[in-house]
N, C-alpha and C. Protein backbone atom coordinates (compact mmCIF):
# COMPACT_ATOMS: atom_id res chain seq x y z
N MET A 1 -26.44 -5.09 7.86
CA MET A 1 -25.34 -4.66 7.03
C MET A 1 -25.65 -3.26 6.52
N SER A 2 -24.68 -2.36 6.62
CA SER A 2 -24.91 -0.98 6.20
C SER A 2 -24.76 -0.83 4.69
N ASN A 3 -25.22 0.30 4.18
CA ASN A 3 -25.06 0.59 2.75
C ASN A 3 -23.61 0.62 2.36
N ALA A 4 -22.75 1.14 3.23
CA ALA A 4 -21.32 1.21 2.93
C ALA A 4 -20.75 -0.19 2.76
N GLU A 5 -21.22 -1.14 3.57
CA GLU A 5 -20.73 -2.51 3.46
C GLU A 5 -21.23 -3.19 2.19
N ASN A 6 -22.36 -2.75 1.67
CA ASN A 6 -22.91 -3.34 0.45
C ASN A 6 -22.16 -2.92 -0.81
N LEU A 7 -21.46 -1.78 -0.74
CA LEU A 7 -20.75 -1.28 -1.91
C LEU A 7 -19.48 -2.08 -2.14
N SER A 8 -19.22 -2.39 -3.40
CA SER A 8 -17.97 -3.05 -3.75
C SER A 8 -17.00 -1.95 -4.19
N LEU A 9 -16.12 -1.54 -3.27
CA LEU A 9 -15.24 -0.41 -3.53
C LEU A 9 -13.79 -0.86 -3.64
N ARG A 10 -13.21 -0.59 -4.78
CA ARG A 10 -11.78 -0.82 -4.92
C ARG A 10 -11.01 0.44 -4.61
N ASN A 11 -11.66 1.58 -4.70
CA ASN A 11 -11.00 2.87 -4.49
C ASN A 11 -11.57 3.61 -3.29
N GLY A 12 -12.00 2.87 -2.29
CA GLY A 12 -12.59 3.51 -1.12
C GLY A 12 -12.13 2.88 0.17
N TYR A 13 -12.31 3.61 1.24
CA TYR A 13 -11.94 3.10 2.55
C TYR A 13 -12.74 3.85 3.61
N GLY A 14 -12.85 3.25 4.78
CA GLY A 14 -13.54 3.87 5.90
C GLY A 14 -12.55 4.49 6.87
N VAL A 15 -12.96 5.59 7.48
CA VAL A 15 -12.13 6.29 8.46
C VAL A 15 -13.01 6.58 9.67
N THR A 16 -12.52 6.27 10.85
CA THR A 16 -13.24 6.61 12.08
C THR A 16 -12.34 7.45 12.96
N TYR A 17 -12.89 8.56 13.43
CA TYR A 17 -12.19 9.45 14.35
C TYR A 17 -12.81 9.26 15.73
N ALA A 18 -11.99 9.15 16.74
CA ALA A 18 -12.47 9.07 18.12
C ALA A 18 -11.86 10.24 18.88
N THR A 19 -12.70 10.99 19.57
CA THR A 19 -12.23 12.11 20.38
C THR A 19 -12.74 11.93 21.80
N LEU A 20 -11.92 12.34 22.73
CA LEU A 20 -12.26 12.26 24.15
C LEU A 20 -12.24 13.66 24.73
N ASP A 21 -13.35 14.02 25.37
CA ASP A 21 -13.39 15.31 26.05
C ASP A 21 -14.05 15.11 27.41
N GLU A 22 -14.37 16.21 28.07
CA GLU A 22 -14.93 16.11 29.43
C GLU A 22 -16.30 15.44 29.46
N THR A 23 -16.98 15.33 28.32
CA THR A 23 -18.30 14.69 28.30
C THR A 23 -18.23 13.23 27.88
N GLY A 24 -17.06 12.75 27.46
CA GLY A 24 -16.93 11.34 27.11
C GLY A 24 -16.25 11.12 25.77
N LEU A 25 -16.37 9.91 25.28
CA LEU A 25 -15.76 9.48 24.03
C LEU A 25 -16.77 9.67 22.89
N HIS A 26 -16.33 10.27 21.79
CA HIS A 26 -17.21 10.56 20.66
C HIS A 26 -16.61 9.95 19.40
N PHE A 27 -17.48 9.49 18.50
CA PHE A 27 -17.05 8.84 17.27
C PHE A 27 -17.63 9.55 16.06
N GLU A 28 -16.84 9.61 15.01
CA GLU A 28 -17.29 10.13 13.73
C GLU A 28 -16.67 9.26 12.65
N SER A 29 -17.50 8.70 11.78
CA SER A 29 -17.00 7.83 10.71
C SER A 29 -17.35 8.39 9.35
N GLU A 30 -16.46 8.13 8.40
CA GLU A 30 -16.66 8.57 7.02
C GLU A 30 -16.26 7.46 6.07
N LEU A 31 -16.88 7.47 4.92
CA LEU A 31 -16.48 6.61 3.81
C LEU A 31 -15.80 7.54 2.81
N ALA A 32 -14.56 7.24 2.48
CA ALA A 32 -13.81 8.06 1.52
C ALA A 32 -13.67 7.28 0.22
N ILE A 33 -14.04 7.92 -0.87
CA ILE A 33 -14.01 7.27 -2.18
C ILE A 33 -13.18 8.11 -3.14
N HIS A 34 -12.17 7.49 -3.75
CA HIS A 34 -11.38 8.17 -4.78
C HIS A 34 -12.13 8.03 -6.10
N LEU A 35 -12.49 9.16 -6.68
CA LEU A 35 -13.24 9.17 -7.94
C LEU A 35 -12.29 9.12 -9.13
N GLN A 36 -12.83 8.76 -10.28
CA GLN A 36 -12.02 8.62 -11.49
C GLN A 36 -11.33 9.91 -11.90
N ASP A 37 -11.92 11.05 -11.57
CA ASP A 37 -11.31 12.34 -11.94
C ASP A 37 -10.21 12.76 -10.97
N GLY A 38 -9.90 11.91 -9.98
CA GLY A 38 -8.84 12.19 -9.02
C GLY A 38 -9.31 12.86 -7.75
N SER A 39 -10.56 13.26 -7.70
CA SER A 39 -11.07 13.91 -6.50
C SER A 39 -11.45 12.86 -5.45
N LEU A 40 -11.69 13.34 -4.25
CA LEU A 40 -12.05 12.49 -3.13
C LEU A 40 -13.43 12.87 -2.64
N LEU A 41 -14.32 11.90 -2.54
CA LEU A 41 -15.67 12.10 -2.03
C LEU A 41 -15.73 11.49 -0.64
N THR A 42 -16.19 12.25 0.36
CA THR A 42 -16.35 11.70 1.70
C THR A 42 -17.82 11.76 2.09
N LEU A 43 -18.28 10.68 2.66
CA LEU A 43 -19.67 10.56 3.10
C LEU A 43 -19.68 10.21 4.58
N LYS A 44 -20.41 10.96 5.37
CA LYS A 44 -20.55 10.62 6.79
C LYS A 44 -21.39 9.36 6.91
N MET A 45 -21.01 8.50 7.85
CA MET A 45 -21.77 7.29 8.09
C MET A 45 -21.73 6.97 9.58
N PRO A 46 -22.71 6.22 10.05
CA PRO A 46 -22.71 5.87 11.48
C PRO A 46 -21.53 4.94 11.79
N THR A 47 -20.98 5.11 12.99
CA THR A 47 -19.90 4.23 13.44
C THR A 47 -20.53 2.95 13.97
N ARG A 48 -20.07 1.81 13.45
CA ARG A 48 -20.63 0.52 13.88
C ARG A 48 -20.36 0.29 15.37
N GLN A 49 -21.31 -0.35 16.03
CA GLN A 49 -21.17 -0.65 17.45
C GLN A 49 -19.93 -1.48 17.73
N SER A 50 -19.64 -2.44 16.85
CA SER A 50 -18.47 -3.30 17.05
C SER A 50 -17.18 -2.48 16.99
N GLU A 51 -17.15 -1.47 16.13
CA GLU A 51 -15.97 -0.61 16.03
C GLU A 51 -15.83 0.27 17.27
N GLN A 52 -16.96 0.81 17.74
CA GLN A 52 -16.92 1.60 18.97
C GLN A 52 -16.41 0.76 20.13
N HIS A 53 -16.89 -0.47 20.22
CA HIS A 53 -16.46 -1.37 21.29
C HIS A 53 -14.96 -1.65 21.19
N ALA A 54 -14.46 -1.93 19.99
CA ALA A 54 -13.04 -2.23 19.79
C ALA A 54 -12.17 -1.04 20.19
N ILE A 55 -12.60 0.17 19.84
CA ILE A 55 -11.83 1.36 20.20
C ILE A 55 -11.84 1.57 21.71
N ARG A 56 -13.00 1.39 22.33
CA ARG A 56 -13.08 1.52 23.79
C ARG A 56 -12.16 0.50 24.48
N GLU A 57 -12.17 -0.73 24.01
CA GLU A 57 -11.32 -1.77 24.59
C GLU A 57 -9.84 -1.45 24.40
N ALA A 58 -9.47 -0.94 23.23
CA ALA A 58 -8.07 -0.57 22.98
C ALA A 58 -7.64 0.56 23.92
N LEU A 59 -8.51 1.54 24.10
CA LEU A 59 -8.19 2.64 25.01
C LEU A 59 -8.13 2.16 26.45
N ARG A 60 -9.01 1.26 26.82
CA ARG A 60 -9.02 0.72 28.18
C ARG A 60 -7.72 -0.03 28.45
N GLY A 61 -7.26 -0.81 27.47
CA GLY A 61 -6.00 -1.54 27.62
C GLY A 61 -4.82 -0.60 27.74
N ARG A 62 -4.84 0.48 26.98
CA ARG A 62 -3.76 1.47 27.04
C ARG A 62 -3.74 2.15 28.41
N THR A 63 -4.93 2.47 28.94
CA THR A 63 -5.02 3.09 30.25
C THR A 63 -4.53 2.15 31.34
N ASN A 64 -4.90 0.86 31.23
CA ASN A 64 -4.48 -0.12 32.23
C ASN A 64 -2.95 -0.31 32.22
N ARG A 65 -2.34 -0.28 31.05
CA ARG A 65 -0.87 -0.43 30.96
C ARG A 65 -0.17 0.77 31.59
N ARG A 66 -0.74 1.97 31.42
CA ARG A 66 -0.13 3.16 32.01
C ARG A 66 -0.21 3.12 33.54
N ALA A 67 -1.29 2.56 34.08
CA ALA A 67 -1.49 2.52 35.52
C ALA A 67 -0.57 1.49 36.18
N ALA A 68 -0.15 0.50 35.42
CA ALA A 68 0.69 -0.58 36.00
C ALA A 68 2.11 -0.12 36.26
């Protein structure tokens, strides 16, 4: 379990960006936390393997539907 998963956040959420280029699929994940003063704190965090797998599978399904 990651540190981000250990936090009890009511004002936070995770964001994962996936980009595809000529070298392959790349992932970048962040934890975004809304602070009491109204500002937003973002922390880079590793993308979980299960999330990478789910994104790859979703893209694979989209590619297969286009080919059909």
